[in-house]
Protein backbone atom coordinates (compact mmCIF):
# COMPACT_ATOMS: atom_id res chain seq x y z
CA MET A 1 -0.16 -0.08 0.23
CA THR A 2 1.25 3.72 -1.02
CA TRP A 3 0.87 6.50 0.99
CA GLN A 4 0.76 10.33 -0.65
CA ALA A 5 1.30 13.01 1.29
CA GLU A 6 -1.02 15.40 1.14
CA ASP A 7 -0.47 19.17 -0.20
CA GLU A 8 0.72 21.57 1.93
CA PRO A 9 -1.08 24.93 2.12
CA GLY A 10 0.78 27.60 -0.14
CA LEU A 11 1.66 31.12 1.49
CA TRP A 12 -1.29 32.97 0.10
CA GLU A 13 -3.59 30.07 1.27
CA GLN A 14 -2.17 31.11 4.76
CA ILE A 15 -3.22 34.76 4.63
CA PRO A 16 -6.51 35.32 6.50
CA PRO A 17 -9.35 36.06 3.78
CA TRP A 18 -9.86 39.45 5.48
CA VAL A 19 -6.13 40.40 4.89
CA GLY A 20 -6.36 39.72 1.18
CA ALA A 21 -9.34 41.82 1.07
CA LEU A 22 -8.05 44.96 2.80
CA TRP A 23 -4.99 44.38 0.55
CA ARG A 24 -7.37 44.60 -2.39
CA ILE A 25 -9.13 47.72 -0.87
CA PHE A 26 -5.54 49.04 -0.34
CA LEU A 27 -4.40 48.23 -3.92
CA ARG A 28 -7.77 50.12 -5.45
CA VAL A 29 -7.44 53.10 -3.56
CA SER A 30 -3.64 53.67 -4.34
CA LEU A 31 -4.76 53.18 -7.88
CA VAL A 32 -7.69 55.89 -7.73
CA ALA A 33 -5.32 58.04 -5.94
CA LEU A 34 -2.56 57.95 -8.32
CA VAL A 35 -4.81 58.43 -11.13
CA LEU A 36 -6.37 61.69 -9.31
CA ALA A 37 -2.88 62.58 -8.66
CA ILE A 38 -1.76 61.94 -12.23
CA LEU A 39 -4.96 64.00 -13.39
CA VAL A 40 -4.46 67.22 -10.79
CA GLY A 41 -0.65 67.35 -11.89
CA VAL A 42 -2.04 67.55 -15.25
CA GLY A 43 -4.77 70.28 -14.21
CA TYR A 44 -2.27 72.62 -12.79
CA TRP A 45 0.52 72.22 -15.68
CA VAL A 46 -2.46 73.27 -17.86
CA MET A 47 -2.88 76.20 -15.63
CA ALA A 48 0.62 77.12 -15.10
CA SER A 49 0.92 76.96 -19.27
CA ARG A 50 -0.92 80.06 -19.15
CA TYR A 51 1.20 81.97 -17.19
CA GLN A 52 4.21 83.54 -19.38
CA MET A 53 7.56 82.47 -18.30
CA LYS A 54 9.32 85.90 -20.00
CA GLU A 55 7.65 87.71 -17.32
CA VAL A 56 10.11 85.81 -14.48
CA VAL A 57 13.31 87.68 -15.50
CA SER A 58 11.47 90.69 -16.70
CA MET A 59 10.80 93.59 -14.05
CA PRO A 60 8.25 96.38 -13.76
CA GLU A 61 8.53 99.46 -15.94
CA ARG A 62 10.59 102.68 -15.29
CA THR A 63 7.85 104.76 -13.28
CA LEU A 64 9.18 108.46 -12.67
CA LEU A 65 7.89 110.91 -10.57
CA LEU A 66 8.84 114.82 -11.31
CA ASP A 67 8.81 117.79 -9.20
CA ARG A 68 6.74 120.73 -10.54
CA THR A 69 9.54 121.96 -12.85
CA GLY A 70 9.86 118.32 -14.57
CA LYS A 71 12.77 117.65 -12.79
CA GLU A 72 13.02 113.67 -11.15
CA LEU A 73 12.18 114.05 -7.69
CA ALA A 74 11.99 110.19 -7.20
CA ALA A 75 11.94 106.58 -8.86
CA ILE A 76 8.82 104.52 -7.40
CA HIS A 77 7.96 100.94 -7.48
CA GLY A 78 9.84 99.36 -10.68
CA SER A 79 12.20 102.11 -11.17
CA ARG A 80 13.68 101.46 -7.50
CA ARG A 81 14.56 98.40 -9.00
CA ARG A 82 18.43 98.63 -10.13
CA LEU A 83 18.84 95.15 -11.68
CA ILE A 84 21.89 93.31 -11.54
CA THR A 85 23.70 90.25 -13.26
CA ARG A 86 24.95 86.73 -11.76
CA SER A 87 28.59 88.13 -11.98
CA GLU A 88 27.94 90.95 -9.48
CA ILE A 89 26.22 88.55 -6.75
CA PRO A 90 29.21 87.67 -4.55
CA ASN A 91 29.27 83.92 -3.48
CA HIS A 92 28.94 84.66 0.47
CA LEU A 93 25.50 86.20 -0.67
CA VAL A 94 24.67 83.31 -2.51
CA LYS A 95 25.67 80.73 0.59
CA ALA A 96 23.65 83.44 2.87
CA LEU A 97 20.35 82.99 0.85
CA THR A 98 20.16 79.22 0.18
CA THR A 99 21.24 78.48 4.03
CA ARG A 100 18.26 80.25 4.96
CA GLU A 101 15.63 80.29 2.24
CA ASP A 102 16.37 77.19 0.38
CA LYS A 103 19.10 74.37 1.32
CA ASP A 104 18.75 71.92 -1.44
CA PHE A 105 18.23 74.96 -3.92
CA PHE A 106 21.10 73.50 -6.64
CA LYS A 107 19.64 69.89 -6.23
CA HIS A 108 15.76 70.09 -6.71
CA GLY A 109 13.88 70.79 -9.60
CA GLY A 110 12.03 73.71 -8.34
CA VAL A 111 10.10 72.02 -5.37
CA HIS A 112 11.52 70.51 -2.59
CA LEU A 113 9.47 67.04 -2.12
CA ARG A 114 10.40 65.88 1.31
CA GLY A 115 9.92 69.39 2.58
CA VAL A 116 6.30 69.53 1.05
CA ALA A 117 5.90 65.97 3.04
CA ARG A 118 7.49 67.26 6.13
CA ALA A 119 5.39 70.80 6.05
CA THR A 120 2.28 69.01 5.27
CA LEU A 121 2.66 66.75 7.94
CA ARG A 122 3.53 69.64 10.60
CA ASN A 123 0.42 71.44 9.40
CA LEU A 124 -1.70 68.61 9.78
CA THR A 125 -0.48 68.29 13.47
CA ASP A 126 -0.72 72.03 14.22
CA ARG A 127 -4.07 72.28 12.30
CA ARG A 128 -3.03 75.41 10.72
CA VAL A 129 -0.63 76.85 8.23
CA SER A 130 2.61 77.39 10.43
CA GLN A 131 5.16 76.11 7.90
CA GLY A 132 5.43 76.65 4.28
CA ALA A 133 8.10 74.68 2.40
CA SER A 134 8.76 77.59 -0.28
CA THR A 135 11.61 77.00 -2.47
CA ILE A 136 13.51 79.90 -3.81
CA THR A 137 12.01 79.12 -7.42
CA MET A 138 8.34 78.75 -5.59
CA GLN A 139 8.80 82.12 -4.09
CA LEU A 140 10.15 83.85 -7.30
CA ALA A 141 6.97 82.22 -9.24
CA ARG A 142 4.86 83.91 -6.17
CA ASN A 143 6.19 87.21 -6.19
CA THR A 144 6.20 87.43 -10.30
CA PHE A 145 2.62 86.15 -10.78
CA GLU A 146 1.37 88.16 -7.41
CA LEU A 147 0.01 84.75 -5.86
CA ARG A 148 -0.78 85.80 -2.42
CA GLN A 149 -4.17 84.06 -1.46
CA MET A 150 -3.15 81.45 1.42
CA SER A 151 -5.12 78.05 0.24
CA LEU A 152 -4.18 74.49 -1.44
CA HIS A 153 -4.92 75.90 -4.89
CA ARG A 154 -2.25 79.01 -4.61
CA LYS A 155 0.23 76.25 -3.02
CA LEU A 156 -0.41 73.46 -6.01
CA LEU A 157 0.03 76.36 -8.99
CA GLU A 158 2.86 77.68 -7.15
CA MET A 159 4.70 74.42 -7.84
CA ALA A 160 3.58 73.52 -11.00
CA ILE A 161 4.89 77.30 -12.29
CA ALA A 162 8.13 76.77 -10.03
CA PHE A 163 8.79 73.20 -12.31
CA ARG A 164 8.31 75.39 -15.54
CA ILE A 165 10.32 78.22 -14.48
CA GLU A 166 13.06 75.42 -13.48
CA ALA A 167 12.27 73.64 -17.16
CA ASN A 168 13.34 77.37 -18.89
CA TYR A 169 15.86 78.78 -16.84
CA SER A 170 19.15 78.11 -15.37
CA LYS A 171 19.63 78.01 -11.61
CA ASP A 172 21.96 81.21 -11.54
CA GLU A 173 19.09 82.84 -13.73
CA ILE A 174 16.49 81.80 -11.20
CA LEU A 175 18.48 83.32 -8.26
CA THR A 176 19.21 86.28 -10.07
CA ALA A 177 15.74 86.91 -10.76
CA TYR A 178 14.99 86.28 -7.31
CA LEU A 179 17.22 88.89 -6.24
CA ASN A 180 16.48 91.44 -8.42
CA ARG A 181 12.48 91.22 -7.95
CA ILE A 182 12.41 90.46 -4.11
CA TYR A 183 11.46 92.90 -1.71
CA PHE A 184 13.88 93.79 1.14
CA GLY A 185 11.54 96.82 3.04
CA SER A 186 11.67 100.30 3.53
CA GLY A 187 10.91 100.85 0.08
CA ALA A 188 14.07 98.79 -1.57
CA PHE A 189 12.91 96.54 -4.03
CA GLY A 190 15.74 93.72 -5.46
CA ILE A 191 19.09 93.66 -3.88
CA GLU A 192 20.94 96.41 -5.80
CA GLN A 193 18.48 98.88 -4.21
CA ALA A 194 18.46 97.51 -1.08
CA SER A 195 22.31 97.21 -0.84
CA GLN A 196 22.45 100.94 -2.10
CA SER A 197 19.35 102.20 0.36
CA TYR A 198 20.90 100.54 3.48
CA PHE A 199 24.83 100.91 2.96
CA GLY A 200 24.95 102.98 0.37
CA LYS A 201 27.50 100.30 -1.71
CA LYS A 202 26.78 98.03 -4.90
CA THR A 203 25.78 94.09 -4.02
CA SER A 204 29.18 93.05 -5.12
CA ASP A 205 31.27 94.99 -2.56
CA LEU A 206 28.44 93.39 0.84
CA THR A 207 30.59 92.02 3.61
CA VAL A 208 29.55 88.90 4.73
CA PRO A 209 27.21 90.12 7.67
CA GLU A 210 25.73 92.94 5.51
CA ALA A 211 24.54 89.99 2.92
CA ALA A 212 23.40 87.84 6.04
CA LEU A 213 20.94 90.98 7.07
CA LEU A 214 19.50 91.31 3.79
CA VAL A 215 18.68 87.78 3.44
CA GLY A 216 17.42 87.83 7.13
CA ILE A 217 14.60 90.77 5.69
CA ILE A 218 13.15 88.45 3.35
CA ARG A 219 10.41 86.56 5.15
CA ALA A 220 9.03 89.78 7.01
CA PRO A 221 10.23 93.05 5.27
CA HIS A 222 8.52 95.29 7.36
CA ASP A 223 9.31 93.94 10.76
CA PHE A 224 12.77 92.93 9.65
CA SER A 225 13.92 95.90 8.03
CA PRO A 226 16.73 97.51 10.18
CA ARG A 227 14.98 101.14 9.34
CA ASN A 228 11.56 100.02 10.99
CA ASP A 229 13.26 97.68 14.21
CA GLU A 230 16.95 97.21 14.40
CA GLU A 231 17.04 95.13 16.78
CA ALA A 232 14.85 92.37 14.84
CA ALA A 233 17.04 92.99 11.87
CA LEU A 234 20.02 91.93 14.21
CA ARG A 235 18.36 88.90 15.55
CA GLU A 236 17.50 87.55 11.81
CA ARG A 237 20.99 88.31 10.80
CA ASP A 238 22.52 86.64 13.88
CA GLU A 239 20.11 83.57 12.79
CA VAL A 240 21.54 83.63 9.24
CA LEU A 241 25.34 83.52 10.39
CA ARG A 242 25.00 80.59 12.62
CA ARG A 243 23.33 78.12 9.92
CA MET A 244 25.75 79.41 7.67
CA ALA A 245 28.45 77.80 10.42
CA ASP A 246 26.42 75.41 11.31
CA ASP A 247 26.22 74.09 7.29
CA GLY A 248 29.74 74.67 6.66
CA GLN A 249 29.87 77.59 4.66
CA ILE A 250 31.65 79.91 7.30
CA THR A 251 33.84 78.94 10.03
CA PHE A 252 32.58 78.73 14.04
CA GLU A 253 35.47 81.56 14.58
CA GLN A 254 34.01 83.73 11.57
CA ARG A 255 30.62 83.29 12.98
CA ASP A 256 31.64 84.70 16.19
CA GLN A 257 33.49 87.29 14.42
CA TYR A 258 30.61 88.31 12.16
CA LEU A 259 27.68 88.17 15.32
CA GLN A 260 30.12 91.12 16.51
CA ALA A 261 30.13 93.59 13.79
CA PRO A 262 28.29 96.91 14.38
CA LEU A 263 25.30 97.89 11.98
CA HIS A 264 26.19 100.70 10.32
CA LEU A 265 23.46 102.03 7.96
CA LEU A 266 23.38 104.67 5.37
CA PRO A 267 22.12 107.71 6.74
CA LEU A 268 18.45 108.68 4.79
CA ARG A 269 17.68 112.26 5.58
CA GLU A 270 16.04 112.96 1.76
CA SER A 271 14.25 116.35 2.07
CA GLN A 272 11.51 114.77 -0.44
CA THR A 273 10.83 111.35 1.81
CA ASP A 274 7.32 113.06 3.12
CA ALA A 275 6.23 114.22 -0.21
CA ILE A 276 6.82 110.74 -2.21
CA ARG A 277 5.23 109.02 0.27
CA CYS A 278 2.25 111.73 0.01
CA VAL A 279 2.22 111.47 -3.98
CA ARG A 280 2.37 107.48 -3.76
CA ARG A 281 -1.05 107.67 -1.44
CA HIS A 282 -2.35 110.02 -4.04
CA LEU A 283 -1.47 107.84 -7.26
CA ASN A 284 -2.93 104.84 -5.07
CA GLU A 285 -6.49 106.66 -4.69
CA LEU A 286 -6.35 107.70 -8.50
CA LEU A 287 -5.06 104.43 -10.28
CA ASP A 288 -5.91 100.83 -10.19
CA LYS A 289 -3.47 98.85 -8.12
CA ASN A 290 -2.33 96.79 -11.17
CA ASP A 291 -2.17 99.95 -13.30
CA PHE A 292 0.32 101.52 -10.48
CA LEU A 293 1.98 97.98 -9.93
CA SER A 294 3.11 97.22 -13.45
CA GLY A 295 4.87 100.89 -13.79
CA GLY A 296 5.70 102.64 -16.68
CA LEU A 297 4.16 106.03 -15.75
CA THR A 298 5.44 109.42 -15.49
CA THR A 299 3.78 111.74 -12.97
CA THR A 300 4.33 115.29 -12.63
CA SER A 301 3.77 116.35 -8.99
CA THR A 302 3.14 119.89 -7.46
CA ILE A 303 6.04 120.00 -5.10
CA ASP A 304 8.17 122.76 -5.42
CA PRO A 305 11.98 121.36 -4.32
CA GLU A 306 13.12 124.52 -3.20
CA ILE A 307 10.36 124.88 -0.73
CA GLN A 308 10.22 121.25 0.22
CA LYS A 309 13.56 121.60 0.94
CA LEU A 310 13.27 124.63 3.14
CA ALA A 311 10.44 123.37 4.43
CA ARG A 312 12.71 120.07 5.62
CA ASP A 313 15.68 121.92 6.77
CA GLY A 314 13.85 123.99 8.92
CA ILE A 315 11.46 121.24 10.50
CA ASP A 316 14.91 119.25 11.32
CA GLU A 317 16.17 122.77 13.00
CA LEU A 318 13.68 123.18 14.98
CA VAL A 319 12.90 119.83 16.16
CA ALA A 320 16.75 118.64 16.77
CA PRO A 321 16.98 119.92 20.78
CA PHE A 322 13.75 117.87 21.37
CA PRO A 323 13.51 113.87 21.49
CA ASN A 324 10.02 112.68 20.26
CA LEU A 325 8.77 116.23 19.39
CA GLN A 326 6.81 115.60 16.27
CA ALA A 327 6.35 117.96 13.30
CA ALA A 328 3.68 118.51 10.43
CA LEU A 329 3.41 121.11 7.54
CA VAL A 330 1.14 121.79 4.17
CA ALA A 331 2.31 124.32 1.99
CA ILE A 332 -0.45 125.59 -0.86
CA GLU A 333 -0.53 127.80 -3.99
CA PRO A 334 -3.64 129.71 -3.13
CA SER A 335 -4.64 130.56 -6.66
CA SER A 336 -4.51 126.91 -8.02
CA GLY A 337 -4.62 124.44 -4.84
CA ALA A 338 -1.36 122.93 -5.51
CA ILE A 339 0.45 121.53 -2.66
CA ARG A 340 4.28 122.68 -3.02
CA ALA A 341 5.33 121.18 0.23
CA VAL A 342 4.41 118.79 2.77
CA ILE A 343 5.92 117.30 5.84
CA THR A 344 4.34 114.23 7.77
CA ALA A 345 6.66 113.56 10.57
CA ARG A 346 10.06 114.51 12.36
CA ASP A 347 11.50 111.39 10.99
CA PRO A 348 9.56 109.96 7.81
CA ASP A 349 12.01 106.98 7.62
CA SER A 350 11.21 106.18 11.20
CA SER A 351 7.24 106.77 10.85
CA GLN A 352 5.00 105.79 8.60
CA PHE A 353 2.31 107.74 10.25
CA ASN A 354 1.33 110.76 8.39
CA ARG A 355 0.74 113.40 10.53
CA ALA A 356 0.00 116.38 7.90
CA PHE A 357 -2.96 114.32 6.15
CA ASP A 358 -4.53 112.42 9.21
CA THR A 359 -3.62 113.62 12.97
CA ARG A 360 -6.31 116.01 14.29
CA ARG A 361 -5.00 118.53 17.17
CA GLN A 362 -6.94 120.99 18.67
CA LEU A 363 -6.39 124.36 17.05
CA GLY A 364 -6.87 127.16 19.83
CA PRO A 365 -5.91 130.28 19.89
CA VAL A 366 -4.90 130.62 15.86
CA PHE A 367 -8.60 129.74 15.30
CA GLN A 368 -9.42 133.59 15.56
CA PRO A 369 -8.32 135.05 12.28
CA PHE A 370 -11.02 132.12 10.89
CA LEU A 371 -13.42 133.80 13.24
CA TYR A 372 -12.94 137.19 12.30
CA ALA A 373 -13.84 136.09 8.86
CA PHE A 374 -17.29 134.28 9.97
CA SER A 375 -18.12 137.52 11.99
CA ALA A 376 -17.56 139.68 8.80
CA GLU A 377 -19.40 137.52 6.24
CA ARG A 378 -22.75 137.67 8.58
CA GLY A 379 -22.09 141.20 8.46
CA ARG A 380 -20.77 141.65 12.31
CA LEU A 381 -18.07 143.81 13.20
CA PRO A 382 -15.55 141.71 14.71
CA ILE A 383 -13.98 142.73 18.10
CA PRO A 384 -10.08 142.34 17.83
CA ASP A 385 -8.48 139.86 20.79
CA GLN A 386 -12.41 139.24 22.26
CA PRO A 387 -13.17 135.72 20.52
CA ILE A 388 -15.91 134.87 22.86
CA GLN A 389 -17.49 138.43 22.00
CA THR A 390 -17.00 138.32 18.54
CA ALA A 391 -18.89 134.42 18.23
CA ARG A 392 -21.46 135.74 20.38
CA GLN A 393 -22.77 137.80 17.85
CA LEU A 394 -23.46 134.83 15.37
CA PRO A 395 -26.32 132.54 15.42
CA LYS A 396 -26.01 129.18 17.01
CA GLY A 397 -24.39 126.86 14.72
CA GLU A 398 -22.82 129.32 12.04
CA ILE A 399 -19.29 128.85 13.43
CA GLU A 400 -19.42 125.01 12.72
CA ARG A 401 -20.80 125.55 9.26
CA LEU A 402 -18.62 128.06 8.11
CA ALA A 403 -15.68 126.53 9.00
CA ARG A 404 -16.82 123.14 7.41
CA ARG A 405 -17.44 125.59 4.49
CA ILE A 406 -13.90 126.63 4.28
CA GLY A 407 -12.56 123.03 4.92
CA LEU A 408 -11.97 122.66 8.68
CA GLY A 409 -13.32 119.06 9.37
CA GLY A 410 -13.73 119.02 13.37
CA PRO A 411 -15.18 117.62 15.63
CA PHE A 412 -16.36 120.91 16.86
CA THR A 413 -17.53 121.90 20.35
CA SER A 414 -19.88 124.77 20.90
CA GLY A 415 -20.58 128.10 22.38
CA ASP A 416 -17.59 129.81 24.08
CA GLU A 417 -15.44 126.99 24.13
CA LEU A 418 -15.55 126.74 20.40
CA ALA A 419 -14.96 130.57 19.90
CA ARG A 420 -11.52 129.76 21.96
CA GLY A 421 -10.61 127.26 19.34
CA ASN A 422 -11.77 124.12 20.88
CA LEU A 423 -11.57 121.92 17.42
CA GLN A 424 -9.86 119.89 15.75
CA ALA A 425 -8.08 119.96 12.20
CA THR A 426 -5.65 118.41 10.21
CA PRO A 427 -2.63 120.60 9.19
CA LEU A 428 -3.78 119.71 5.23
CA GLU A 429 -7.47 121.49 6.34
CA VAL A 430 -5.87 124.22 8.14
CA ALA A 431 -3.37 124.98 5.07
CA THR A 432 -7.03 124.81 2.89
CA ALA A 433 -8.20 126.94 4.95
CA LEU A 434 -5.94 129.46 4.78
CA THR A 435 -6.08 129.63 1.11
CA VAL A 436 -9.40 131.00 1.36
CA LEU A 437 -8.40 134.00 3.20
CA SER A 438 -5.26 134.52 0.53
CA ASN A 439 -7.71 133.81 -2.57
CA GLU A 440 -10.15 136.58 -1.68
CA GLY A 441 -12.83 134.04 -0.43
CA GLU A 442 -12.53 131.11 -3.15
CA LYS A 443 -11.35 127.59 -1.98
CA PRO A 444 -9.25 125.88 -4.35
CA THR A 445 -9.28 122.19 -4.85
CA THR A 446 -5.79 120.83 -3.55
CA TYR A 447 -3.99 118.63 -5.32
CA LEU A 448 -0.39 116.72 -5.29
CA VAL A 449 -0.79 115.25 -8.94
CA GLN A 450 -0.47 117.70 -11.65
CA ARG A 451 -0.22 114.99 -14.73
CA LEU A 452 -0.19 111.72 -15.23
CA LEU A 453 1.11 109.73 -18.04
CA ASP A 454 1.23 106.08 -19.34
CA SER A 455 4.29 104.61 -21.25
CA GLU A 456 3.30 105.77 -24.47
CA GLY A 457 2.84 109.26 -23.31
CA ALA A 458 -0.98 109.47 -23.61
CA VAL A 459 -2.33 111.51 -20.63
CA LEU A 460 -4.14 109.42 -17.99
CA PHE A 461 -4.92 111.79 -15.37
CA GLU A 462 -4.35 115.62 -15.60
CA GLN A 463 -5.53 118.25 -12.89
CA LYS A 464 -7.01 121.50 -13.98
CA PRO A 465 -7.32 124.18 -11.31
CA SER A 466 -10.73 124.88 -9.93
CA ALA A 467 -11.94 126.90 -7.16
CA LYS A 468 -15.59 127.85 -5.18
CA LEU A 469 -16.57 130.85 -3.65
CA VAL A 470 -17.35 130.05 -0.11
CA LEU A 471 -16.58 133.66 1.53
CA ASP A 472 -17.09 137.08 0.96
CA SER A 473 -14.04 138.69 -0.37
CA PHE A 474 -14.19 141.63 1.97
CA ALA A 475 -14.73 138.88 5.05
CA ALA A 476 -11.88 136.90 3.92
CA GLU A 477 -9.95 139.97 4.32
CA SER A 478 -10.92 141.34 7.13
CA PRO A 479 -8.29 139.32 9.42
CA PHE A 480 -5.06 140.68 7.57
CA ASP A 481 -7.23 144.16 8.47
CA ILE A 482 -7.93 143.58 11.60
CA THR A 483 -4.71 141.94 13.07
CA LYS A 484 -2.62 143.54 10.45
CA LYS A 485 -0.86 140.77 10.03
CA ARG A 486 -0.30 137.74 7.57
CA THR A 487 1.33 135.01 10.14
CA TRP A 488 -0.17 133.89 13.14
CA SER A 489 1.23 131.55 15.61
CA ALA A 490 -0.16 130.26 19.28
CA LEU A 491 0.38 127.40 21.85
CA ASN A 492 -3.06 125.91 22.98
CA HIS A 493 -3.66 125.07 26.38
CA PRO A 494 -3.98 122.18 27.60
CA ALA A 495 -3.50 120.30 24.59
CA ASN A 496 -0.26 121.62 24.05
CA ASP A 497 -0.19 121.70 20.58
CA LEU A 498 1.78 124.57 18.90
CA TRP A 499 0.84 126.37 15.45
CA ALA A 500 2.23 128.57 13.06
CA LEU A 501 -0.12 129.80 10.06
CA HIS A 502 0.83 132.16 7.50
CA SER A 503 -1.86 133.06 4.45
CA GLY A 504 0.37 134.83 1.72
CA GLU A 505 -0.93 135.63 -1.46
CA GLU A 506 1.48 133.22 -3.05
CA LEU A 507 1.69 130.16 -0.57
CA ALA A 508 -0.65 129.46 2.72
CA VAL A 509 1.44 127.33 4.79
CA ALA A 510 0.31 125.45 8.42
CA LEU A 511 2.73 124.07 10.63
CA TRP A 512 1.99 122.08 13.50
CA LEU A 513 4.55 121.32 16.43
CA GLY A 514 3.68 118.73 19.74
CA PHE A 515 3.82 115.54 20.87
CA ASP A 516 1.68 112.47 19.58
CA ASP A 517 0.86 111.72 23.31
CA PRO A 518 0.11 115.45 24.65
CA ALA A 519 2.46 116.74 27.05
CA ASP A 520 4.31 120.08 27.78
CA LEU A 521 6.35 121.68 25.12
CA PRO A 522 10.05 122.34 26.31
CA SER A 523 10.79 126.10 25.31
CA ALA A 524 7.79 126.93 23.65
CA ASP A 525 8.32 130.65 23.03
CA LEU A 526 11.33 129.75 21.46
CA LEU A 527 9.73 127.23 19.29
CA GLU A 528 6.94 129.65 18.32
CA ASN A 529 9.74 131.98 17.22
CA GLY A 530 11.28 129.38 15.18
CA ALA A 531 7.98 128.04 13.70
CA SER A 532 6.65 131.60 13.10
CA ALA A 533 10.04 132.80 10.69
CA LEU A 534 9.88 129.28 8.93
CA VAL A 535 6.49 130.06 7.75
CA SER A 536 7.17 133.43 6.66
CA ALA A 537 10.59 132.71 5.14
CA LEU A 538 8.67 129.69 2.79
CA SER A 539 6.15 132.43 1.92
CA ARG A 540 8.91 134.89 1.02
CA ILE A 541 10.43 131.99 -1.14
CA ALA A 542 7.31 131.92 -3.08
CA THR A 543 6.82 135.20 -3.76
CA VAL A 544 10.26 135.79 -5.18
CA GLN A 545 9.91 132.70 -7.46
CA ALA A 546 6.31 134.41 -8.74
CA GLU A 547 8.34 137.69 -9.34
CA GLU A 548 10.99 136.12 -11.28
CA GLN A 549 8.44 133.95 -13.54
CA ALA A 550 6.79 137.22 -13.92
CA ALA A 551 9.84 139.05 -15.07
CA GLU A 552 10.53 135.88 -17.41
CA GLU A 553 7.33 135.75 -19.03
CA ALA A 554 7.60 139.47 -19.69
CA ALA A 555 11.03 139.59 -21.26
CA GLN A 556 9.72 136.82 -23.53
CA LYS A 557 6.70 138.27 -24.04
CA ALA A 558 8.94 141.41 -25.19
CA ALA A 559 11.02 139.28 -27.41
CA LEU A 560 8.07 137.85 -29.28
CA GLU A 561 6.66 141.18 -29.68
CA PHE A 562 10.42 142.50 -30.84
CA GLU A 563 10.46 139.58 -33.52
CA SER A 564 7.04 140.48 -34.91
CA THR A 565 7.67 143.77 -35.41
CA ASN A 566 11.16 143.25 -36.98
């Protein structure tokens, strides 16, 4: 009798049925996921193909800001970008940048997949977007095509565009385009403008600590700009230096030496800084954001460089002995409404707040000239140095109504308090109200932008002078007749705001001095005398300019008449 062994069960037969079922489900899900991933990838590649790759290496066109004479006052937005080539970028800047922003820049194809996976896991764990994993190429895509929305769609599109950038440009071209385009805070677009703005030198001359500081700014240009927060800027610089040492880009001895390097910023005291900021604000109101960002514009402003410089130099001299004392000034040509000078702060580079247009402070005694005009407007006899008696002659609510008519915005009190000047206004509003007195009762439309041309020279905007009669001419002249002067100044109490006003035929000037948090003004008499002298000096300059212009026009007219008769 022959015995035959039974077949032993195979390996797959030993696996429980439920495990096999799970495995089949896994394979099917994986296959579906793979197909979906391919479809998503193809979809985003198609979307990415709609973006023009030439935009990556092309920068916004030159935008010129001219003063009233047609001379260049500043270069804003795209024009502040000074383009450099790869040969001008020092190697230690490249090392600092890649160490901080993208260690594997020279290895990946635009997207660091491990970094994306790590960031995704971290974000899921934190249940918020706490980590980005953006490579230099992805950042370039985001900044080139303005991909700002925080969403999964934007991130996937950014990745697809990054792959296309890598397929079209070399690593050196990508690096150069990135450094030419990125924003470094305080109005500096591009590495060359940042180098010149912060250190007064070319990119090729940057030291290692300086390069590290500029790289440290990139993640938060406003917060880490040394002009806004020097401590934060140095902290970020030191972090970049430590990472460079850890990665072997510099020695630990060099790191320790560079960490002790002092920060030597280039002083930035341009007299036009305030004016440039105000003109940009006006342009933002006139233009669509995309039109402004695309550049190629020529803007003729109303700013007079001579008056602007005298105003800035005068303010600097006034406030220099007194730390934290703030200032604001607006000078307007009454006949046209053109703003000839504007000072927004003691130091516009360290304070973004526009005190000339936005701060409202109590007028106090300098309100009296306007009160005299209101009294004359209603056929009452103004009483010199008696504001309360003068005001009591007018119907209730009439002072506020007339004050609003000449451009003062309030808020207002009422009764005797209002007569004492207990109302608030901005320097721009006060200067506008002064033009009414200078202009025989006509209130002009004030403006900063005279003409705006596109890249083809076509006129996009042009301001024509216009005015509206708001006071009788006799009433407008009455403050000059009563006070026998055109300059008024006073310190009001208890707000401690010092105002100096001048209402001239060629220039109306309002100057405010005080603290952001009201406090007693030191040497108030000295400040008042200096402020009065400054506003009068500005008006004299405008008068001389007008006389010179009139003489020049007369000479030209005489020359033309002579030619025509001969």
